[in-house]
Amino acid sequence: MDIDDFRTETRDWLEKNCPPGARGPGEISNGSTKIAIRDADTRIWLQRMVEKGWTVPNWPKEYGGGRLSTAEYVVLLEEMAAIQARPALSSFGTSMIGPTLLEFGTDEQKQRHLPRIARAEVEWCQGYSEPGSGSDLASLQTRAVLDGDHYVINGSKIWTSGAQHADWMFILVRTNKDVPKHEGISFMLLPMDQAGVRVKPIALLSGVSTFNETFFDNALAARDDLVGELNKGWTVGKRLLQHERSGMEALVTGSTTGDDSEIQDVAREFIGTVDDKLADPIVRDEITSYQMNIAALHLTQRRVVEESQDGATPGPATSIFKVVNSELVQDYHDLKTRLRGSLGFGVDEDEFSEDEREMVHEFFFSRAGSIYSGSNEIQRNIIAKRVLGLPD
């Protein structure tokens, strides 16, 4: 189909099938079967997108996808953004483990896991960081030893988002301690509902947390749940992070950064206007700088999208997106909070509305953005060595 015809057809379908309640900010399914979707329109939107194959638009149809080309996927995202349609499904399954299984998984692993991810029937969590292995992830110590048809896993992970609700974890484990640290790691799939797995929530300053410690005491992963080759999991694990950082939705729409119109609304409320302009020239300058940086990021992201249409993979260049995006998100929440003055840190339920308290939670959570998914210091090293070719 001609791309212009596809755009017209897609626009018509979205207008007819995306309910009003699924447009604009709001609830998005993460695939959890343990947390019910509260909003009726969000449930309807998810079901329609599942039936269309557009929860994972570029996946093969046999796994529940829409088999869209990169160009068609870009059009779909652009048309969704035009009517403020929220993603029907956003999860570790769709953005991380799913694409990784498409690349490295066996046929059996793909058939078993991918359709359930596409239908929002399973929630995944990530088992990477450990108490002693964060930025130096390759120093991880969680062990897996083969015993018959299962790997027996012992150790712990930390900052496992959503582990308290997850059905499965994709996990990096050490399977050979007698080789250089990067060479003795394997990538496995681990069912969470078993006696050998214990999840302990981590309390955060904001009062809201999805983070957990996860402990493994003779937990079992089937021999068939090894992804890729034994002791070659570092390659699989790195590729998964590249998928995470180069998610198509964020590349096309810039959806992970904040909406500058919200900052302008807050500024008008708390700073005021003169001749229909914000009264404070310093605030105007800060907002303009933010807008310019967002525009520069989006142009860079679009360039990567265009390159990927020729079959290229983003590779280490995705570290640029992680650094710039996380720092822009911090700038966004910092400015929005400062504009509100003493009201910017309201957490008392008796004095502040739910929306006001949510702003505080978002501010605190944004502080972690330059640390999780690989600290920005590590990402800058990757950019220096693998993108710019600088010496050690």
Protein backbone atom coordinates (compact mmCIF):
# COMPACT_ATOMS: atom_id res chain seq x y z
CA MET A 1 0.00 0.00 0.00
CA ASP A 2 1.19 3.51 -0.84
CA ILE A 3 2.34 5.29 2.33
CA ASP A 4 -0.09 8.18 1.78
CA ASP A 5 -2.97 5.73 1.44
CA PHE A 6 -1.80 3.99 4.59
CA ARG A 7 -1.79 7.32 6.43
CA THR A 8 -5.35 8.09 5.35
CA GLU A 9 -6.57 4.61 6.28
CA THR A 10 -4.79 4.76 9.64
CA ARG A 11 -6.16 8.22 10.45
CA ASP A 12 -9.71 7.05 9.71
CA TRP A 13 -9.31 3.92 11.81
CA LEU A 14 -7.92 5.82 14.78
CA GLU A 15 -10.70 8.41 14.68
CA LYS A 16 -13.33 5.67 14.68
CA ASN A 17 -11.73 3.35 17.23
CA CYS A 18 -9.85 5.46 19.78
CA PRO A 19 -12.37 6.39 22.53
CA PRO A 20 -12.33 9.93 23.98
CA GLY A 21 -11.08 8.62 27.31
CA ALA A 22 -8.00 7.10 25.66
CA ARG A 23 -6.84 10.48 24.36
CA GLY A 24 -4.55 12.71 26.37
CA PRO A 25 -2.74 11.82 29.61
CA GLY A 26 -4.14 8.87 31.50
CA GLU A 27 -3.95 5.19 32.30
CA ILE A 28 -1.88 2.83 30.12
CA SER A 29 -1.78 -0.95 30.46
CA ASN A 30 1.59 -2.49 31.34
CA GLY A 31 0.42 -6.03 30.69
CA SER A 32 -0.33 -6.80 34.32
CA THR A 33 -3.07 -9.32 34.97
CA LYS A 34 -2.96 -8.50 38.68
CA ILE A 35 -3.82 -4.79 38.45
CA ALA A 36 -7.17 -4.11 36.77
CA ILE A 37 -7.47 -1.25 34.29
CA ARG A 38 -9.84 1.20 35.97
CA ASP A 39 -10.93 3.28 32.99
CA ALA A 40 -13.49 1.71 30.62
CA ASP A 41 -12.25 3.61 27.55
CA THR A 42 -8.70 2.45 28.24
CA ARG A 43 -9.89 -1.17 28.35
CA ILE A 44 -11.78 -0.74 25.07
CA TRP A 45 -8.77 0.90 23.42
CA LEU A 46 -6.46 -1.90 24.51
CA GLN A 47 -8.78 -4.60 23.18
CA ARG A 48 -9.18 -2.86 19.81
CA MET A 49 -5.44 -2.37 19.43
CA VAL A 50 -4.80 -6.01 20.37
CA GLU A 51 -7.26 -7.16 17.70
CA LYS A 52 -5.61 -4.85 15.16
CA GLY A 53 -2.12 -6.08 16.03
CA TRP A 54 -1.03 -2.55 16.91
CA THR A 55 0.05 -3.05 20.50
CA VAL A 56 3.27 -4.26 18.82
CA PRO A 57 2.84 -2.82 15.32
CA ASN A 58 6.12 -3.98 13.79
CA TRP A 59 6.09 -7.54 15.14
CA PRO A 60 5.20 -10.48 12.85
CA LYS A 61 1.51 -11.35 12.71
CA GLU A 62 2.11 -14.86 14.03
CA TYR A 63 3.16 -13.30 17.34
CA GLY A 64 0.25 -10.88 17.58
CA GLY A 65 1.81 -7.96 15.75
CA GLY A 66 0.75 -5.83 12.82
CA ARG A 67 3.75 -6.53 10.56
CA LEU A 68 4.12 -2.84 9.76
CA SER A 69 7.20 -1.58 8.00
CA THR A 70 9.29 1.05 9.76
CA ALA A 71 7.76 3.76 7.57
CA GLU A 72 4.23 2.56 8.38
CA TYR A 73 5.05 2.37 12.08
CA VAL A 74 6.24 5.97 12.01
CA VAL A 75 3.00 7.03 10.32
CA LEU A 76 0.92 5.19 12.93
CA LEU A 77 2.74 6.93 15.78
CA GLU A 78 2.45 10.32 14.10
CA GLU A 79 -1.28 9.88 13.59
CA MET A 80 -1.74 8.70 17.18
CA ALA A 81 0.14 11.76 18.40
CA ALA A 82 -2.04 14.01 16.25
CA ILE A 83 -5.18 12.99 18.16
CA GLN A 84 -3.32 12.52 21.48
CA ALA A 85 -4.08 8.80 21.49
CA ARG A 86 -2.22 7.10 24.31
CA PRO A 87 -0.30 3.89 23.67
CA ALA A 88 -2.65 1.01 24.41
CA LEU A 89 0.18 -1.01 25.94
CA SER A 90 3.56 0.07 27.29
CA SER A 91 5.62 -2.55 29.07
CA PHE A 92 8.99 -4.19 29.52
CA GLY A 93 7.49 -6.91 27.36
CA THR A 94 6.86 -4.72 24.34
CA SER A 95 9.95 -2.51 24.56
CA MET A 96 12.63 -4.81 25.97
CA ILE A 97 12.24 -8.57 26.22
CA GLY A 98 9.93 -8.91 23.21
CA PRO A 99 12.32 -7.37 20.66
CA THR A 100 15.18 -9.30 22.28
CA LEU A 101 13.37 -12.62 21.88
CA LEU A 102 12.61 -11.77 18.26
CA GLU A 103 16.35 -11.43 17.73
CA PHE A 104 17.81 -14.12 20.00
CA GLY A 105 14.96 -16.38 21.12
CA THR A 106 14.23 -19.90 19.95
CA ASP A 107 11.05 -20.61 17.99
CA GLU A 108 9.57 -22.20 21.11
CA GLN A 109 10.41 -19.16 23.26
CA LYS A 110 8.85 -16.82 20.71
CA GLN A 111 5.66 -18.86 20.41
CA ARG A 112 5.32 -19.19 24.18
CA HIS A 113 5.95 -15.59 25.21
CA LEU A 114 5.43 -13.10 22.38
CA PRO A 115 1.67 -13.56 21.74
CA ARG A 116 0.96 -13.16 25.46
CA ILE A 117 3.00 -9.95 25.53
CA ALA A 118 1.10 -8.61 22.51
CA ARG A 119 -2.25 -9.42 24.16
CA ALA A 120 -1.26 -7.72 27.46
CA GLU A 121 -1.57 -11.02 29.31
CA VAL A 122 1.80 -11.02 31.09
CA GLU A 123 3.96 -8.55 33.01
CA TRP A 124 7.75 -8.73 32.93
CA CYS A 125 10.42 -7.26 35.18
CA GLN A 126 14.16 -6.80 34.72
CA GLY A 127 16.79 -8.58 36.81
CA TYR A 128 20.00 -6.69 36.08
CA SER A 129 21.31 -4.48 38.92
CA GLU A 130 22.54 -5.97 42.18
CA PRO A 131 23.45 -4.33 45.51
CA GLY A 132 27.14 -4.49 44.54
CA SER A 133 26.76 -4.28 40.75
CA GLY A 134 25.08 -1.23 39.32
CA SER A 135 27.09 0.79 36.82
CA ASP A 136 29.64 -2.04 36.74
CA LEU A 137 26.92 -4.51 35.84
CA ALA A 138 29.34 -7.14 34.54
CA SER A 139 30.54 -7.70 38.12
CA LEU A 140 27.18 -9.29 39.00
CA GLN A 141 27.29 -12.25 41.38
CA THR A 142 23.85 -13.91 41.20
CA ARG A 143 24.68 -17.50 40.29
CA ALA A 144 22.97 -20.11 38.13
CA VAL A 145 24.07 -23.75 38.23
CA LEU A 146 22.65 -26.39 35.88
CA ASP A 147 20.99 -29.30 37.69
CA GLY A 148 19.22 -31.68 35.33
CA ASP A 149 16.61 -29.79 33.33
CA HIS A 150 16.80 -26.61 35.42
CA TYR A 151 19.22 -23.88 36.39
CA VAL A 152 19.27 -23.30 40.15
CA ILE A 153 19.60 -19.58 40.88
CA ASN A 154 20.87 -17.97 44.08
CA GLY A 155 21.57 -14.32 44.81
CA SER A 156 19.68 -11.04 44.68
CA LYS A 157 18.72 -8.16 42.41
CA ILE A 158 17.81 -4.60 43.29
CA TRP A 159 15.70 -1.80 41.75
CA THR A 160 13.51 -4.42 40.05
CA SER A 161 10.63 -2.23 38.89
CA GLY A 162 7.24 -3.91 39.14
CA ALA A 163 8.61 -7.16 40.56
CA GLN A 164 5.80 -7.26 43.12
CA HIS A 165 3.28 -7.82 40.29
CA ALA A 166 5.43 -9.42 37.58
CA ASP A 167 4.80 -12.88 36.16
CA TRP A 168 8.27 -13.29 34.63
CA MET A 169 11.73 -11.80 34.97
CA PHE A 170 14.47 -11.63 32.35
CA ILE A 171 17.66 -11.99 34.32
CA LEU A 172 21.42 -11.84 33.91
CA VAL A 173 23.21 -14.50 35.97
CA ARG A 174 26.76 -15.72 36.38
CA THR A 175 27.23 -19.21 34.97
CA ASN A 176 31.04 -19.30 34.87
CA LYS A 177 33.20 -17.56 37.47
CA ASP A 178 36.52 -18.75 36.03
CA VAL A 179 36.56 -16.51 32.94
CA PRO A 180 36.71 -12.71 32.46
CA LYS A 181 33.57 -11.20 33.97
CA HIS A 182 31.84 -10.31 30.68
CA GLU A 183 32.28 -13.86 29.36
CA GLY A 184 30.69 -15.82 32.21
CA ILE A 185 27.22 -14.27 32.12
CA SER A 186 24.03 -15.87 30.76
CA PHE A 187 20.60 -14.41 29.98
CA MET A 188 17.59 -16.37 31.25
CA LEU A 189 13.82 -16.19 31.68
CA LEU A 190 12.58 -16.81 35.20
CA PRO A 191 8.99 -17.41 36.39
CA MET A 192 8.31 -15.24 39.45
CA ASP A 193 5.55 -17.38 40.98
CA GLN A 194 7.71 -19.92 42.80
CA ALA A 195 8.89 -20.58 46.34
CA GLY A 196 12.49 -19.63 45.57
CA VAL A 197 11.68 -16.01 44.70
CA ARG A 198 11.03 -13.36 47.36
CA VAL A 199 10.22 -9.71 46.63
CA LYS A 200 10.76 -6.89 49.14
CA PRO A 201 9.50 -3.36 48.30
CA ILE A 202 11.92 -0.41 48.60
CA ALA A 203 10.45 2.67 50.30
CA LEU A 204 11.26 5.96 48.55
CA LEU A 205 11.29 9.56 49.78
CA SER A 206 8.31 10.38 47.56
CA GLY A 207 6.14 7.84 49.36
CA VAL A 208 5.44 6.04 46.08
CA SER A 209 7.61 3.23 44.75
CA THR A 210 7.54 0.49 42.16
CA PHE A 211 11.08 -0.56 43.09
CA ASN A 212 11.97 -3.77 44.89
CA GLU A 213 14.73 -6.02 46.09
CA THR A 214 14.36 -9.54 44.73
CA PHE A 215 15.96 -12.52 46.44
CA PHE A 216 16.60 -15.95 44.90
CA ASP A 217 16.96 -19.01 47.13
CA ASN A 218 17.30 -22.04 44.85
CA ALA A 219 14.94 -20.45 42.34
CA LEU A 220 14.47 -22.48 39.16
CA ALA A 221 14.71 -21.50 35.51
CA ALA A 222 14.11 -24.23 32.95
CA ARG A 223 17.01 -25.26 30.76
CA ASP A 224 14.89 -24.18 27.78
CA ASP A 225 14.62 -20.66 29.26
CA LEU A 226 18.23 -19.83 28.43
CA VAL A 227 18.20 -17.09 25.77
CA GLY A 228 21.14 -17.18 23.39
CA GLU A 229 24.26 -19.18 24.17
CA LEU A 230 25.43 -20.20 27.63
CA ASN A 231 28.00 -17.69 28.96
CA LYS A 232 27.21 -15.31 26.08
CA GLY A 233 24.44 -13.43 27.85
CA TRP A 234 26.33 -10.14 27.98
CA THR A 235 25.72 -9.70 24.26
CA VAL A 236 22.00 -10.41 24.69
CA GLY A 237 21.75 -8.15 27.74
CA LYS A 238 23.43 -5.22 25.99
CA ARG A 239 21.19 -5.59 22.97
CA LEU A 240 18.12 -5.47 25.20
CA LEU A 241 19.29 -2.13 26.62
CA GLN A 242 19.71 -0.79 23.09
CA HIS A 243 16.11 -1.80 22.36
CA GLU A 244 15.02 -0.01 25.54
CA ARG A 245 16.84 3.21 24.69
CA SER A 246 15.80 3.25 21.04
CA GLY A 247 12.09 2.51 21.44
CA MET A 248 10.31 3.63 18.29
CA GLU A 249 7.52 5.44 20.10
CA ALA A 250 9.93 7.72 21.93
CA LEU A 251 12.06 8.23 18.82
CA VAL A 252 9.11 9.43 16.76
CA THR A 253 7.07 11.37 19.31
CA GLY A 254 9.58 12.30 21.99
CA SER A 255 6.95 11.00 24.39
CA THR A 256 9.35 10.43 27.27
CA THR A 257 10.09 14.13 27.67
CA GLY A 258 7.73 16.59 29.30
CA ASP A 259 5.13 18.71 27.52
CA ASP A 260 6.34 22.32 27.53
CA SER A 261 2.72 23.53 27.39
CA GLU A 262 2.31 22.28 30.96
CA ILE A 263 5.28 24.38 32.06
CA GLN A 264 3.79 27.40 30.33
CA ASP A 265 0.45 26.86 32.07
CA VAL A 266 2.18 26.64 35.46
CA ALA A 267 4.24 29.74 34.67
CA ARG A 268 1.16 31.75 33.72
CA GLU A 269 -0.54 30.73 36.95
CA PHE A 270 2.36 31.46 39.31
CA ILE A 271 4.39 34.12 37.44
CA GLY A 272 1.68 35.96 35.55
CA THR A 273 1.75 37.67 32.16
CA VAL A 274 2.34 41.14 30.74
CA ASP A 275 1.05 41.88 27.23
CA ASP A 276 0.25 38.17 26.90
CA LYS A 277 3.89 37.22 27.61
CA LEU A 278 5.27 35.64 30.76
CA ALA A 279 6.17 38.44 33.14
CA ASP A 280 9.60 37.09 34.07
CA PRO A 281 12.18 37.24 31.21
CA ILE A 282 14.42 34.69 32.95
CA VAL A 283 11.58 32.16 33.02
CA ARG A 284 10.84 32.89 29.35
CA ASP A 285 14.50 32.19 28.57
CA GLU A 286 14.47 28.91 30.52
CA ILE A 287 11.35 27.67 28.75
CA THR A 288 12.73 28.67 25.35
CA SER A 289 16.01 26.85 26.06
CA TYR A 290 14.04 23.75 27.05
CA GLN A 291 12.01 23.93 23.83
CA MET A 292 15.17 24.26 21.73
CA ASN A 293 16.83 21.29 23.42
CA ILE A 294 13.70 19.16 22.95
CA ALA A 295 13.60 20.09 19.25
CA ALA A 296 17.27 19.15 18.84
CA LEU A 297 16.69 15.78 20.54
CA HIS A 298 13.66 15.03 18.36
CA LEU A 299 15.57 15.83 15.16
CA THR A 300 18.37 13.49 16.21
CA GLN A 301 15.86 10.78 17.06
CA ARG A 302 14.15 11.16 13.68
CA ARG A 303 17.50 10.81 11.93
CA VAL A 304 18.01 7.46 13.67
CA VAL A 305 14.50 6.38 12.62
CA GLU A 306 15.33 7.20 9.00
CA GLU A 307 18.61 5.30 9.23
CA SER A 308 16.81 2.27 10.69
CA GLN A 309 14.58 2.16 7.61
CA ASP A 310 17.71 1.18 5.70
CA GLY A 311 18.27 -1.75 8.05
CA ALA A 312 20.78 -0.08 10.36
CA THR A 313 20.49 -0.59 14.12
CA PRO A 314 20.89 2.37 16.50
CA GLY A 315 23.61 0.62 18.50
CA PRO A 316 25.69 2.68 20.93
CA ALA A 317 24.22 5.93 19.59
CA THR A 318 21.20 5.18 21.77
CA SER A 319 23.35 6.22 24.74
CA ILE A 320 23.02 9.79 23.45
CA PHE A 321 19.24 9.56 23.77
CA LYS A 322 19.46 8.18 27.28
CA VAL A 323 21.75 10.98 28.51
CA VAL A 324 19.97 13.88 26.85
CA ASN A 325 16.45 12.61 27.49
CA SER A 326 17.00 11.88 31.20
CA GLU A 327 18.55 15.30 31.79
CA LEU A 328 15.78 17.07 29.89
CA VAL A 329 13.17 15.25 31.97
CA GLN A 330 14.98 16.44 35.09
CA ASP A 331 15.07 20.00 33.74
CA TYR A 332 11.36 19.81 33.01
CA HIS A 333 10.32 18.70 36.49
CA ASP A 334 12.84 20.99 38.16
CA LEU A 335 11.48 24.06 36.37
CA LYS A 336 7.84 23.09 36.90
CA THR A 337 8.51 22.57 40.61
CA ARG A 338 10.47 25.81 41.07
CA LEU A 339 7.74 27.82 39.37
CA ARG A 340 5.27 26.66 42.01
CA GLY A 341 7.46 27.95 44.83
CA SER A 342 6.62 26.62 48.29
CA LEU A 343 3.68 24.72 46.79
CA GLY A 344 6.09 22.68 44.69
CA PHE A 345 6.73 20.17 47.45
CA GLY A 346 3.26 19.60 48.81
CA VAL A 347 2.71 16.02 49.96
CA ASP A 348 0.12 16.48 52.72
CA GLU A 349 -3.17 14.91 51.64
CA ASP A 350 -5.19 17.41 53.69
CA GLU A 351 -3.64 20.48 52.03
CA PHE A 352 -2.79 19.43 48.49
CA SER A 353 -4.76 17.86 45.66
CA GLU A 354 -3.88 14.52 44.10
CA ASP A 355 -2.53 16.30 40.99
CA GLU A 356 -0.32 18.55 43.13
CA ARG A 357 1.06 15.60 45.07
CA GLU A 358 1.65 13.71 41.82
CA MET A 359 3.87 16.56 40.59
CA VAL A 360 6.06 16.06 43.66
CA HIS A 361 6.27 12.31 43.09
CA GLU A 362 7.23 12.92 39.45
CA PHE A 363 9.93 15.39 40.49
CA PHE A 364 11.51 12.93 42.90
CA PHE A 365 11.28 10.06 40.40
CA SER A 366 12.95 12.17 37.69
CA ARG A 367 16.07 12.42 39.87
CA ALA A 368 16.72 8.73 39.25
CA GLY A 369 16.63 9.12 35.46
CA SER A 370 20.33 9.87 35.16
CA ILE A 371 21.15 6.71 37.15
CA TYR A 372 18.84 3.89 36.05
CA SER A 373 19.27 2.03 32.74
CA GLY A 374 22.99 2.75 32.98
CA SER A 375 24.22 5.92 34.68
CA ASN A 376 24.87 8.93 32.47
CA GLU A 377 28.56 8.79 33.38
CA ILE A 378 28.74 5.27 31.93
CA GLN A 379 26.74 6.37 28.88
CA ARG A 380 29.19 9.22 28.24
CA ASN A 381 32.04 6.70 28.30
CA ILE A 382 30.17 4.59 25.72
CA ILE A 383 29.59 7.66 23.54
CA ALA A 384 33.26 8.64 23.77
CA LYS A 385 34.59 5.19 22.88
CA ARG A 386 32.02 3.68 20.53
CA VAL A 387 30.42 6.70 18.85
CA LEU A 388 33.26 9.24 18.75
CA GLY A 389 36.11 6.71 18.65
CA LEU A 390 38.12 8.45 21.36
CA PRO A 391 40.98 6.56 23.04
CA ASP A 392 40.67 5.12 26.56
